[in-house]
mmCIF file of all heavy atoms, coordinates in Angstrom:
data_MODEL
# 
_entry.id   MODEL 
# 
loop_
_atom_site.group_PDB 
_atom_site.id 
_atom_site.type_symbol 
_atom_site.label_atom_id 
_atom_site.label_alt_id 
_atom_site.label_comp_id 
_atom_site.label_asym_id 
_atom_site.label_entity_id 
_atom_site.label_seq_id 
_atom_site.pdbx_PDB_ins_code 
_atom_site.Cartn_x 
_atom_site.Cartn_y 
_atom_site.Cartn_z 
_atom_site.occupancy 
_atom_site.B_iso_or_equiv 
_atom_site.pdbx_formal_charge 
_atom_site.auth_seq_id 
_atom_site.auth_comp_id 
_atom_site.auth_asym_id 
_atom_site.auth_atom_id 
_atom_site.pdbx_PDB_model_num 
ATOM 1   N N   . GLU A 1 1  ? -5.387  6.508  14.220 1.00 0.00 ? 1  GLU A N   1 
ATOM 2   C CA  . GLU A 1 1  ? -4.570  6.698  15.432 1.00 0.00 ? 1  GLU A CA  1 
ATOM 3   C C   . GLU A 1 1  ? -5.302  6.288  16.703 1.00 0.00 ? 1  GLU A C   1 
ATOM 4   O O   . GLU A 1 1  ? -4.687  5.810  17.714 1.00 0.00 ? 1  GLU A O   1 
ATOM 5   C CB  . GLU A 1 1  ? -4.349  8.259  15.543 1.00 0.00 ? 1  GLU A CB  1 
ATOM 6   C CG  . GLU A 1 1  ? -3.401  8.848  14.542 1.00 0.00 ? 1  GLU A CG  1 
ATOM 7   C CD  . GLU A 1 1  ? -1.953  8.529  14.757 1.00 0.00 ? 1  GLU A CD  1 
ATOM 8   O OE1 . GLU A 1 1  ? -1.639  7.846  15.847 1.00 0.00 ? 1  GLU A OE1 1 
ATOM 9   O OE2 . GLU A 1 1  ? -1.041  8.856  13.928 1.00 0.00 ? 1  GLU A OE2 1 
ATOM 10  N N   . HIS A 1 2  ? -6.581  6.308  16.566 1.00 0.00 ? 2  HIS A N   1 
ATOM 11  C CA  . HIS A 1 2  ? -7.456  5.875  17.705 1.00 0.00 ? 2  HIS A CA  1 
ATOM 12  C C   . HIS A 1 2  ? -8.630  5.113  17.140 1.00 0.00 ? 2  HIS A C   1 
ATOM 13  O O   . HIS A 1 2  ? -9.050  5.286  15.996 1.00 0.00 ? 2  HIS A O   1 
ATOM 14  C CB  . HIS A 1 2  ? -7.989  7.057  18.514 1.00 0.00 ? 2  HIS A CB  1 
ATOM 15  C CG  . HIS A 1 2  ? -6.956  7.990  19.003 1.00 0.00 ? 2  HIS A CG  1 
ATOM 16  N ND1 . HIS A 1 2  ? -6.050  7.645  20.030 1.00 0.00 ? 2  HIS A ND1 1 
ATOM 17  C CD2 . HIS A 1 2  ? -6.650  9.225  18.620 1.00 0.00 ? 2  HIS A CD2 1 
ATOM 18  C CE1 . HIS A 1 2  ? -5.187  8.701  20.208 1.00 0.00 ? 2  HIS A CE1 1 
ATOM 19  N NE2 . HIS A 1 2  ? -5.557  9.647  19.360 1.00 0.00 ? 2  HIS A NE2 1 
ATOM 20  N N   . PRO A 1 3  ? -9.075  4.059  17.907 1.00 0.00 ? 3  PRO A N   1 
ATOM 21  C CA  . PRO A 1 3  ? -10.200 3.125  17.353 1.00 0.00 ? 3  PRO A CA  1 
ATOM 22  C C   . PRO A 1 3  ? -11.393 3.995  16.901 1.00 0.00 ? 3  PRO A C   1 
ATOM 23  O O   . PRO A 1 3  ? -11.635 5.119  17.357 1.00 0.00 ? 3  PRO A O   1 
ATOM 24  C CB  . PRO A 1 3  ? -10.467 2.299  18.460 1.00 0.00 ? 3  PRO A CB  1 
ATOM 25  C CG  . PRO A 1 3  ? -9.305  2.357  19.334 1.00 0.00 ? 3  PRO A CG  1 
ATOM 26  C CD  . PRO A 1 3  ? -8.667  3.725  19.294 1.00 0.00 ? 3  PRO A CD  1 
ATOM 27  N N   . ASP A 1 4  ? -12.250 3.396  15.879 1.00 0.00 ? 4  ASP A N   1 
ATOM 28  C CA  . ASP A 1 4  ? -13.412 4.059  15.505 1.00 0.00 ? 4  ASP A CA  1 
ATOM 29  C C   . ASP A 1 4  ? -14.369 3.701  16.632 1.00 0.00 ? 4  ASP A C   1 
ATOM 30  O O   . ASP A 1 4  ? -14.069 3.274  17.694 1.00 0.00 ? 4  ASP A O   1 
ATOM 31  C CB  . ASP A 1 4  ? -13.864 3.585  14.189 1.00 0.00 ? 4  ASP A CB  1 
ATOM 32  C CG  . ASP A 1 4  ? -14.174 2.117  14.090 1.00 0.00 ? 4  ASP A CG  1 
ATOM 33  O OD1 . ASP A 1 4  ? -14.403 1.446  15.091 1.00 0.00 ? 4  ASP A OD1 1 
ATOM 34  O OD2 . ASP A 1 4  ? -14.266 1.578  12.947 1.00 0.00 ? 4  ASP A OD2 1 
ATOM 35  N N   . CYS A 1 5  ? -15.732 4.114  16.392 1.00 0.00 ? 5  CYS A N   1 
ATOM 36  C CA  . CYS A 1 5  ? -16.686 4.024  17.502 1.00 0.00 ? 5  CYS A CA  1 
ATOM 37  C C   . CYS A 1 5  ? -17.005 2.540  17.812 1.00 0.00 ? 5  CYS A C   1 
ATOM 38  O O   . CYS A 1 5  ? -17.732 2.333  18.865 1.00 0.00 ? 5  CYS A O   1 
ATOM 39  C CB  . CYS A 1 5  ? -17.874 4.805  17.137 1.00 0.00 ? 5  CYS A CB  1 
ATOM 40  S SG  . CYS A 1 5  ? -18.856 3.974  15.782 1.00 0.00 ? 5  CYS A SG  1 
ATOM 41  N N   . TYR A 1 6  ? -16.606 1.644  16.930 1.00 0.00 ? 6  TYR A N   1 
ATOM 42  C CA  . TYR A 1 6  ? -16.833 0.119  17.239 1.00 0.00 ? 6  TYR A CA  1 
ATOM 43  C C   . TYR A 1 6  ? -15.561 -0.393 17.676 1.00 0.00 ? 6  TYR A C   1 
ATOM 44  O O   . TYR A 1 6  ? -15.500 -1.748 17.819 1.00 0.00 ? 6  TYR A O   1 
ATOM 45  C CB  . TYR A 1 6  ? -17.285 -0.540 15.974 1.00 0.00 ? 6  TYR A CB  1 
ATOM 46  C CG  . TYR A 1 6  ? -18.694 0.025  15.424 1.00 0.00 ? 6  TYR A CG  1 
ATOM 47  C CD1 . TYR A 1 6  ? -18.606 0.718  14.107 1.00 0.00 ? 6  TYR A CD1 1 
ATOM 48  C CD2 . TYR A 1 6  ? -19.810 -0.086 16.133 1.00 0.00 ? 6  TYR A CD2 1 
ATOM 49  C CE1 . TYR A 1 6  ? -19.843 1.340  13.682 1.00 0.00 ? 6  TYR A CE1 1 
ATOM 50  C CE2 . TYR A 1 6  ? -20.941 0.356  15.599 1.00 0.00 ? 6  TYR A CE2 1 
ATOM 51  C CZ  . TYR A 1 6  ? -20.959 1.111  14.420 1.00 0.00 ? 6  TYR A CZ  1 
ATOM 52  O OH  . TYR A 1 6  ? -22.149 1.558  13.975 1.00 0.00 ? 6  TYR A OH  1 
ATOM 53  N N   . GLY A 1 7  ? -14.493 0.336  17.931 1.00 0.00 ? 7  GLY A N   1 
ATOM 54  C CA  . GLY A 1 7  ? -13.350 -0.248 18.559 1.00 0.00 ? 7  GLY A CA  1 
ATOM 55  C C   . GLY A 1 7  ? -12.432 -0.831 17.476 1.00 0.00 ? 7  GLY A C   1 
ATOM 56  O O   . GLY A 1 7  ? -11.431 -1.526 17.798 1.00 0.00 ? 7  GLY A O   1 
ATOM 57  N N   . GLN A 1 8  ? -12.691 -0.549 16.264 1.00 0.00 ? 8  GLN A N   1 
ATOM 58  C CA  . GLN A 1 8  ? -11.931 -1.112 15.123 1.00 0.00 ? 8  GLN A CA  1 
ATOM 59  C C   . GLN A 1 8  ? -11.029 -0.036 14.544 1.00 0.00 ? 8  GLN A C   1 
ATOM 60  O O   . GLN A 1 8  ? -11.083 1.251  14.851 1.00 0.00 ? 8  GLN A O   1 
ATOM 61  C CB  . GLN A 1 8  ? -12.950 -1.605 14.003 1.00 0.00 ? 8  GLN A CB  1 
ATOM 62  C CG  . GLN A 1 8  ? -13.817 -2.638 14.423 1.00 0.00 ? 8  GLN A CG  1 
ATOM 63  C CD  . GLN A 1 8  ? -14.844 -3.134 13.488 1.00 0.00 ? 8  GLN A CD  1 
ATOM 64  O OE1 . GLN A 1 8  ? -15.321 -2.364 12.688 1.00 0.00 ? 8  GLN A OE1 1 
ATOM 65  N NE2 . GLN A 1 8  ? -15.120 -4.415 13.426 1.00 0.00 ? 8  GLN A NE2 1 
ATOM 66  N N   . GLY A 1 9  ? -10.240 -0.454 13.495 1.00 0.00 ? 9  GLY A N   1 
ATOM 67  C CA  . GLY A 1 9  ? -9.301  0.532  12.855 1.00 0.00 ? 9  GLY A CA  1 
ATOM 68  C C   . GLY A 1 9  ? -7.912  0.763  13.441 1.00 0.00 ? 9  GLY A C   1 
ATOM 69  O O   . GLY A 1 9  ? -7.261  1.791  13.176 1.00 0.00 ? 9  GLY A O   1 
ATOM 70  N N   . THR A 1 10 ? -7.494  -0.183 14.250 1.00 0.00 ? 10 THR A N   1 
ATOM 71  C CA  . THR A 1 10 ? -6.179  -0.054 14.926 1.00 0.00 ? 10 THR A CA  1 
ATOM 72  C C   . THR A 1 10 ? -4.949  -0.701 14.312 1.00 0.00 ? 10 THR A C   1 
ATOM 73  O O   . THR A 1 10 ? -3.865  -0.705 14.943 1.00 0.00 ? 10 THR A O   1 
ATOM 74  C CB  . THR A 1 10 ? -6.363  -0.510 16.332 1.00 0.00 ? 10 THR A CB  1 
ATOM 75  O OG1 . THR A 1 10 ? -6.633  -1.899 16.380 1.00 0.00 ? 10 THR A OG1 1 
ATOM 76  C CG2 . THR A 1 10 ? -7.462  0.318  17.183 1.00 0.00 ? 10 THR A CG2 1 
ATOM 77  N N   . ARG A 1 11 ? -5.204  -1.428 13.181 1.00 0.00 ? 11 ARG A N   1 
ATOM 78  C CA  . ARG A 1 11 ? -4.082  -2.139 12.599 1.00 0.00 ? 11 ARG A CA  1 
ATOM 79  C C   . ARG A 1 11 ? -3.901  -1.862 11.066 1.00 0.00 ? 11 ARG A C   1 
ATOM 80  O O   . ARG A 1 11 ? -4.923  -1.454 10.398 1.00 0.00 ? 11 ARG A O   1 
ATOM 81  C CB  . ARG A 1 11 ? -4.423  -3.663 12.720 1.00 0.00 ? 11 ARG A CB  1 
ATOM 82  C CG  . ARG A 1 11 ? -4.438  -4.086 14.201 1.00 0.00 ? 11 ARG A CG  1 
ATOM 83  C CD  . ARG A 1 11 ? -4.690  -5.662 14.358 1.00 0.00 ? 11 ARG A CD  1 
ATOM 84  N NE  . ARG A 1 11 ? -5.982  -5.933 13.668 1.00 0.00 ? 11 ARG A NE  1 
ATOM 85  C CZ  . ARG A 1 11 ? -6.504  -7.223 13.516 1.00 0.00 ? 11 ARG A CZ  1 
ATOM 86  N NH1 . ARG A 1 11 ? -5.880  -8.210 14.145 1.00 0.00 ? 11 ARG A NH1 1 
ATOM 87  N NH2 . ARG A 1 11 ? -7.703  -7.406 13.078 1.00 0.00 ? 11 ARG A NH2 1 
ATOM 88  N N   . SER A 1 12 ? -2.701  -2.030 10.524 1.00 0.00 ? 12 SER A N   1 
ATOM 89  C CA  . SER A 1 12 ? -2.468  -1.976 9.231  1.00 0.00 ? 12 SER A CA  1 
ATOM 90  C C   . SER A 1 12 ? -2.758  -3.315 8.621  1.00 0.00 ? 12 SER A C   1 
ATOM 91  O O   . SER A 1 12 ? -2.845  -4.352 9.296  1.00 0.00 ? 12 SER A O   1 
ATOM 92  C CB  . SER A 1 12 ? -0.944  -1.707 8.991  1.00 0.00 ? 12 SER A CB  1 
ATOM 93  O OG  . SER A 1 12 ? -0.565  -1.977 7.595  1.00 0.00 ? 12 SER A OG  1 
ATOM 94  N N   . ILE A 1 13 ? -3.140  -3.473 7.350  1.00 0.00 ? 13 ILE A N   1 
ATOM 95  C CA  . ILE A 1 13 ? -3.281  -4.726 6.805  1.00 0.00 ? 13 ILE A CA  1 
ATOM 96  C C   . ILE A 1 13 ? -2.076  -5.414 6.491  1.00 0.00 ? 13 ILE A C   1 
ATOM 97  O O   . ILE A 1 13 ? -2.096  -6.644 6.087  1.00 0.00 ? 13 ILE A O   1 
ATOM 98  C CB  . ILE A 1 13 ? -4.299  -4.543 5.404  1.00 0.00 ? 13 ILE A CB  1 
ATOM 99  C CG1 . ILE A 1 13 ? -3.469  -3.758 4.306  1.00 0.00 ? 13 ILE A CG1 1 
ATOM 100 C CG2 . ILE A 1 13 ? -5.641  -4.009 5.645  1.00 0.00 ? 13 ILE A CG2 1 
ATOM 101 C CD1 . ILE A 1 13 ? -4.189  -3.814 2.912  1.00 0.00 ? 13 ILE A CD1 1 
ATOM 102 N N   . TRP A 1 14 ? -0.896  -4.781 6.546  1.00 0.00 ? 14 TRP A N   1 
ATOM 103 C CA  . TRP A 1 14 ? 0.358   -5.436 6.677  1.00 0.00 ? 14 TRP A CA  1 
ATOM 104 C C   . TRP A 1 14 ? 0.528   -5.867 8.113  1.00 0.00 ? 14 TRP A C   1 
ATOM 105 O O   . TRP A 1 14 ? 0.814   -4.988 8.946  1.00 0.00 ? 14 TRP A O   1 
ATOM 106 C CB  . TRP A 1 14 ? 1.476   -4.465 6.224  1.00 0.00 ? 14 TRP A CB  1 
ATOM 107 C CG  . TRP A 1 14 ? 1.613   -4.173 4.691  1.00 0.00 ? 14 TRP A CG  1 
ATOM 108 C CD1 . TRP A 1 14 ? 0.712   -3.460 4.046  1.00 0.00 ? 14 TRP A CD1 1 
ATOM 109 C CD2 . TRP A 1 14 ? 2.587   -4.710 3.895  1.00 0.00 ? 14 TRP A CD2 1 
ATOM 110 N NE1 . TRP A 1 14 ? 0.999   -3.499 2.720  1.00 0.00 ? 14 TRP A NE1 1 
ATOM 111 C CE2 . TRP A 1 14 ? 2.290   -4.144 2.555  1.00 0.00 ? 14 TRP A CE2 1 
ATOM 112 C CE3 . TRP A 1 14 ? 3.694   -5.358 3.940  1.00 0.00 ? 14 TRP A CE3 1 
ATOM 113 C CZ2 . TRP A 1 14 ? 3.016   -4.316 1.417  1.00 0.00 ? 14 TRP A CZ2 1 
ATOM 114 C CZ3 . TRP A 1 14 ? 4.544   -5.548 2.827  1.00 0.00 ? 14 TRP A CZ3 1 
ATOM 115 C CH2 . TRP A 1 14 ? 4.106   -5.126 1.580  1.00 0.00 ? 14 TRP A CH2 1 
ATOM 116 N N   . THR A 1 15 ? 0.408   -7.008 8.321  1.00 0.00 ? 15 THR A N   1 
ATOM 117 C CA  . THR A 1 15 ? 0.417   -7.618 9.677  1.00 0.00 ? 15 THR A CA  1 
ATOM 118 C C   . THR A 1 15 ? 1.827   -7.148 10.416 1.00 0.00 ? 15 THR A C   1 
ATOM 119 O O   . THR A 1 15 ? 1.647   -6.705 11.578 1.00 0.00 ? 15 THR A O   1 
ATOM 120 C CB  . THR A 1 15 ? 0.522   -9.187 9.702  1.00 0.00 ? 15 THR A CB  1 
ATOM 121 O OG1 . THR A 1 15 ? -0.796  -9.609 9.086  1.00 0.00 ? 15 THR A OG1 1 
ATOM 122 C CG2 . THR A 1 15 ? 0.494   -9.734 11.145 1.00 0.00 ? 15 THR A CG2 1 
ATOM 123 N N   . ASP A 1 16 ? 2.901   -7.124 9.670  1.00 0.00 ? 16 ASP A N   1 
ATOM 124 C CA  . ASP A 1 16 ? 4.036   -6.500 10.141 1.00 0.00 ? 16 ASP A CA  1 
ATOM 125 C C   . ASP A 1 16 ? 4.392   -5.275 9.286  1.00 0.00 ? 16 ASP A C   1 
ATOM 126 O O   . ASP A 1 16 ? 4.946   -5.391 8.195  1.00 0.00 ? 16 ASP A O   1 
ATOM 127 C CB  . ASP A 1 16 ? 5.218   -7.415 10.081 1.00 0.00 ? 16 ASP A CB  1 
ATOM 128 C CG  . ASP A 1 16 ? 6.541   -6.841 10.517 1.00 0.00 ? 16 ASP A CG  1 
ATOM 129 O OD1 . ASP A 1 16 ? 6.581   -5.655 10.951 1.00 0.00 ? 16 ASP A OD1 1 
ATOM 130 O OD2 . ASP A 1 16 ? 7.633   -7.508 10.461 1.00 0.00 ? 16 ASP A OD2 1 
ATOM 131 N N   . PRO A 1 17 ? 3.967   -4.068 9.709  1.00 0.00 ? 17 PRO A N   1 
ATOM 132 C CA  . PRO A 1 17 ? 4.150   -2.852 8.926  1.00 0.00 ? 17 PRO A CA  1 
ATOM 133 C C   . PRO A 1 17 ? 5.616   -2.570 8.506  1.00 0.00 ? 17 PRO A C   1 
ATOM 134 O O   . PRO A 1 17 ? 5.905   -1.906 7.459  1.00 0.00 ? 17 PRO A O   1 
ATOM 135 C CB  . PRO A 1 17 ? 3.584   -1.744 9.743  1.00 0.00 ? 17 PRO A CB  1 
ATOM 136 C CG  . PRO A 1 17 ? 2.720   -2.342 10.665 1.00 0.00 ? 17 PRO A CG  1 
ATOM 137 C CD  . PRO A 1 17 ? 3.238   -3.747 10.931 1.00 0.00 ? 17 PRO A CD  1 
ATOM 138 N N   . GLU A 1 18 ? 6.537   -3.031 9.303  1.00 0.00 ? 18 GLU A N   1 
ATOM 139 C CA  . GLU A 1 18 ? 8.025   -2.851 8.950  1.00 0.00 ? 18 GLU A CA  1 
ATOM 140 C C   . GLU A 1 18 ? 8.357   -3.494 7.634  1.00 0.00 ? 18 GLU A C   1 
ATOM 141 O O   . GLU A 1 18 ? 9.343   -3.110 6.887  1.00 0.00 ? 18 GLU A O   1 
ATOM 142 C CB  . GLU A 1 18 ? 8.925   -3.336 10.069 1.00 0.00 ? 18 GLU A CB  1 
ATOM 143 C CG  . GLU A 1 18 ? 8.758   -2.493 11.336 1.00 0.00 ? 18 GLU A CG  1 
ATOM 144 C CD  . GLU A 1 18 ? 9.063   -0.998 11.061 1.00 0.00 ? 18 GLU A CD  1 
ATOM 145 O OE1 . GLU A 1 18 ? 10.025  -0.757 10.361 1.00 0.00 ? 18 GLU A OE1 1 
ATOM 146 O OE2 . GLU A 1 18 ? 8.293   -0.149 11.470 1.00 0.00 ? 18 GLU A OE2 1 
ATOM 147 N N   . THR A 1 19 ? 7.561   -4.536 7.324  1.00 0.00 ? 19 THR A N   1 
ATOM 148 C CA  . THR A 1 19 ? 7.895   -5.199 6.052  1.00 0.00 ? 19 THR A CA  1 
ATOM 149 C C   . THR A 1 19 ? 7.472   -4.264 4.863  1.00 0.00 ? 19 THR A C   1 
ATOM 150 O O   . THR A 1 19 ? 8.082   -4.277 3.728  1.00 0.00 ? 19 THR A O   1 
ATOM 151 C CB  . THR A 1 19 ? 7.197   -6.533 5.849  1.00 0.00 ? 19 THR A CB  1 
ATOM 152 O OG1 . THR A 1 19 ? 5.780   -6.446 5.937  1.00 0.00 ? 19 THR A OG1 1 
ATOM 153 C CG2 . THR A 1 19 ? 7.789   -7.484 6.945  1.00 0.00 ? 19 THR A CG2 1 
ATOM 154 N N   . TYR A 1 20 ? 6.474   -3.407 5.115  1.00 0.00 ? 20 TYR A N   1 
ATOM 155 C CA  . TYR A 1 20 ? 6.137   -2.478 4.030  1.00 0.00 ? 20 TYR A CA  1 
ATOM 156 C C   . TYR A 1 20 ? 7.340   -1.486 3.910  1.00 0.00 ? 20 TYR A C   1 
ATOM 157 O O   . TYR A 1 20 ? 7.572   -1.096 2.702  1.00 0.00 ? 20 TYR A O   1 
ATOM 158 C CB  . TYR A 1 20 ? 4.967   -1.668 4.517  1.00 0.00 ? 20 TYR A CB  1 
ATOM 159 C CG  . TYR A 1 20 ? 4.643   -0.347 3.787  1.00 0.00 ? 20 TYR A CG  1 
ATOM 160 C CD1 . TYR A 1 20 ? 4.065   -0.343 2.504  1.00 0.00 ? 20 TYR A CD1 1 
ATOM 161 C CD2 . TYR A 1 20 ? 5.175   0.949  4.321  1.00 0.00 ? 20 TYR A CD2 1 
ATOM 162 C CE1 . TYR A 1 20 ? 3.915   0.833  1.746  1.00 0.00 ? 20 TYR A CE1 1 
ATOM 163 C CE2 . TYR A 1 20 ? 4.987   2.093  3.566  1.00 0.00 ? 20 TYR A CE2 1 
ATOM 164 C CZ  . TYR A 1 20 ? 4.328   1.967  2.359  1.00 0.00 ? 20 TYR A CZ  1 
ATOM 165 O OH  . TYR A 1 20 ? 4.232   3.263  1.612  1.00 0.00 ? 20 TYR A OH  1 
ATOM 166 N N   . ARG A 1 21 ? 7.968   -0.955 5.002  1.00 0.00 ? 21 ARG A N   1 
ATOM 167 C CA  . ARG A 1 21 ? 9.195   -0.025 4.813  1.00 0.00 ? 21 ARG A CA  1 
ATOM 168 C C   . ARG A 1 21 ? 10.188  -0.673 3.943  1.00 0.00 ? 21 ARG A C   1 
ATOM 169 O O   . ARG A 1 21 ? 10.723  -0.034 3.092  1.00 0.00 ? 21 ARG A O   1 
ATOM 170 C CB  . ARG A 1 21 ? 9.605   0.323  6.181  1.00 0.00 ? 21 ARG A CB  1 
ATOM 171 C CG  . ARG A 1 21 ? 8.805   1.169  7.040  1.00 0.00 ? 21 ARG A CG  1 
ATOM 172 C CD  . ARG A 1 21 ? 9.652   1.562  8.311  1.00 0.00 ? 21 ARG A CD  1 
ATOM 173 N NE  . ARG A 1 21 ? 8.881   2.277  9.280  1.00 0.00 ? 21 ARG A NE  1 
ATOM 174 C CZ  . ARG A 1 21 ? 8.873   3.475  9.559  1.00 0.00 ? 21 ARG A CZ  1 
ATOM 175 N NH1 . ARG A 1 21 ? 9.526   4.338  8.703  1.00 0.00 ? 21 ARG A NH1 1 
ATOM 176 N NH2 . ARG A 1 21 ? 8.204   4.022  10.491 1.00 0.00 ? 21 ARG A NH2 1 
ATOM 177 N N   . ARG A 1 22 ? 10.500  -1.955 4.162  1.00 0.00 ? 22 ARG A N   1 
ATOM 178 C CA  . ARG A 1 22 ? 11.542  -2.616 3.475  1.00 0.00 ? 22 ARG A CA  1 
ATOM 179 C C   . ARG A 1 22 ? 11.109  -2.774 2.042  1.00 0.00 ? 22 ARG A C   1 
ATOM 180 O O   . ARG A 1 22 ? 11.988  -2.657 1.084  1.00 0.00 ? 22 ARG A O   1 
ATOM 181 C CB  . ARG A 1 22 ? 11.848  -4.032 4.019  1.00 0.00 ? 22 ARG A CB  1 
ATOM 182 C CG  . ARG A 1 22 ? 12.408  -3.870 5.436  1.00 0.00 ? 22 ARG A CG  1 
ATOM 183 C CD  . ARG A 1 22 ? 13.041  -5.230 5.871  1.00 0.00 ? 22 ARG A CD  1 
ATOM 184 N NE  . ARG A 1 22 ? 12.036  -6.226 6.274  1.00 0.00 ? 22 ARG A NE  1 
ATOM 185 C CZ  . ARG A 1 22 ? 11.500  -6.327 7.417  1.00 0.00 ? 22 ARG A CZ  1 
ATOM 186 N NH1 . ARG A 1 22 ? 11.868  -5.599 8.378  1.00 0.00 ? 22 ARG A NH1 1 
ATOM 187 N NH2 . ARG A 1 22 ? 10.656  -7.316 7.551  1.00 0.00 ? 22 ARG A NH2 1 
ATOM 188 N N   . ALA A 1 23 ? 9.793   -3.094 1.689  1.00 0.00 ? 23 ALA A N   1 
ATOM 189 C CA  . ALA A 1 23 ? 9.329   -3.225 0.347  1.00 0.00 ? 23 ALA A CA  1 
ATOM 190 C C   . ALA A 1 23 ? 9.439   -1.936 -0.389 1.00 0.00 ? 23 ALA A C   1 
ATOM 191 O O   . ALA A 1 23 ? 9.736   -1.772 -1.539 1.00 0.00 ? 23 ALA A O   1 
ATOM 192 C CB  . ALA A 1 23 ? 7.982   -3.810 0.323  1.00 0.00 ? 23 ALA A CB  1 
ATOM 193 N N   . LEU A 1 24 ? 9.000   -0.823 0.311  1.00 0.00 ? 24 LEU A N   1 
ATOM 194 C CA  . LEU A 1 24 ? 9.116   0.595  -0.291 1.00 0.00 ? 24 LEU A CA  1 
ATOM 195 C C   . LEU A 1 24 ? 10.451  0.875  -0.651 1.00 0.00 ? 24 LEU A C   1 
ATOM 196 O O   . LEU A 1 24 ? 10.798  1.348  -1.799 1.00 0.00 ? 24 LEU A O   1 
ATOM 197 C CB  . LEU A 1 24 ? 8.590   1.423  0.695  1.00 0.00 ? 24 LEU A CB  1 
ATOM 198 C CG  . LEU A 1 24 ? 8.402   2.922  0.215  1.00 0.00 ? 24 LEU A CG  1 
ATOM 199 C CD1 . LEU A 1 24 ? 7.195   3.004  -0.647 1.00 0.00 ? 24 LEU A CD1 1 
ATOM 200 C CD2 . LEU A 1 24 ? 8.285   3.956  1.419  1.00 0.00 ? 24 LEU A CD2 1 
ATOM 201 N N   . ARG A 1 25 ? 11.452  0.527  0.204  1.00 0.00 ? 25 ARG A N   1 
ATOM 202 C CA  . ARG A 1 25 ? 12.759  0.854  -0.150 1.00 0.00 ? 25 ARG A CA  1 
ATOM 203 C C   . ARG A 1 25 ? 13.322  0.012  -1.268 1.00 0.00 ? 25 ARG A C   1 
ATOM 204 O O   . ARG A 1 25 ? 14.067  0.487  -2.200 1.00 0.00 ? 25 ARG A O   1 
ATOM 205 C CB  . ARG A 1 25 ? 13.717  0.644  1.137  1.00 0.00 ? 25 ARG A CB  1 
ATOM 206 C CG  . ARG A 1 25 ? 15.256  0.835  0.989  1.00 0.00 ? 25 ARG A CG  1 
ATOM 207 C CD  . ARG A 1 25 ? 16.001  0.790  2.141  1.00 0.00 ? 25 ARG A CD  1 
ATOM 208 N NE  . ARG A 1 25 ? 15.784  1.914  3.027  1.00 0.00 ? 25 ARG A NE  1 
ATOM 209 C CZ  . ARG A 1 25 ? 16.327  3.084  2.921  1.00 0.00 ? 25 ARG A CZ  1 
ATOM 210 N NH1 . ARG A 1 25 ? 17.260  3.251  1.967  1.00 0.00 ? 25 ARG A NH1 1 
ATOM 211 N NH2 . ARG A 1 25 ? 16.090  4.037  3.787  1.00 0.00 ? 25 ARG A NH2 1 
ATOM 212 N N   . PHE A 1 26 ? 12.958  -1.271 -1.368 1.00 0.00 ? 26 PHE A N   1 
ATOM 213 C CA  . PHE A 1 26 ? 13.284  -2.110 -2.491 1.00 0.00 ? 26 PHE A CA  1 
ATOM 214 C C   . PHE A 1 26 ? 13.016  -1.481 -3.833 1.00 0.00 ? 26 PHE A C   1 
ATOM 215 O O   . PHE A 1 26 ? 13.814  -1.609 -4.714 1.00 0.00 ? 26 PHE A O   1 
ATOM 216 C CB  . PHE A 1 26 ? 12.579  -3.457 -2.270 1.00 0.00 ? 26 PHE A CB  1 
ATOM 217 C CG  . PHE A 1 26 ? 12.848  -4.472 -3.378 1.00 0.00 ? 26 PHE A CG  1 
ATOM 218 C CD1 . PHE A 1 26 ? 13.893  -5.428 -3.297 1.00 0.00 ? 26 PHE A CD1 1 
ATOM 219 C CD2 . PHE A 1 26 ? 12.026  -4.446 -4.584 1.00 0.00 ? 26 PHE A CD2 1 
ATOM 220 C CE1 . PHE A 1 26 ? 14.011  -6.307 -4.369 1.00 0.00 ? 26 PHE A CE1 1 
ATOM 221 C CE2 . PHE A 1 26 ? 12.254  -5.362 -5.593 1.00 0.00 ? 26 PHE A CE2 1 
ATOM 222 C CZ  . PHE A 1 26 ? 13.252  -6.287 -5.485 1.00 0.00 ? 26 PHE A CZ  1 
# 
């Protein structure tokens, strides 16, 4: 939800997380 102490951790490894939703539904 908020970056770690090095400013990292703000992204999903799915560059477009919405494609995960579509794949999950598939």
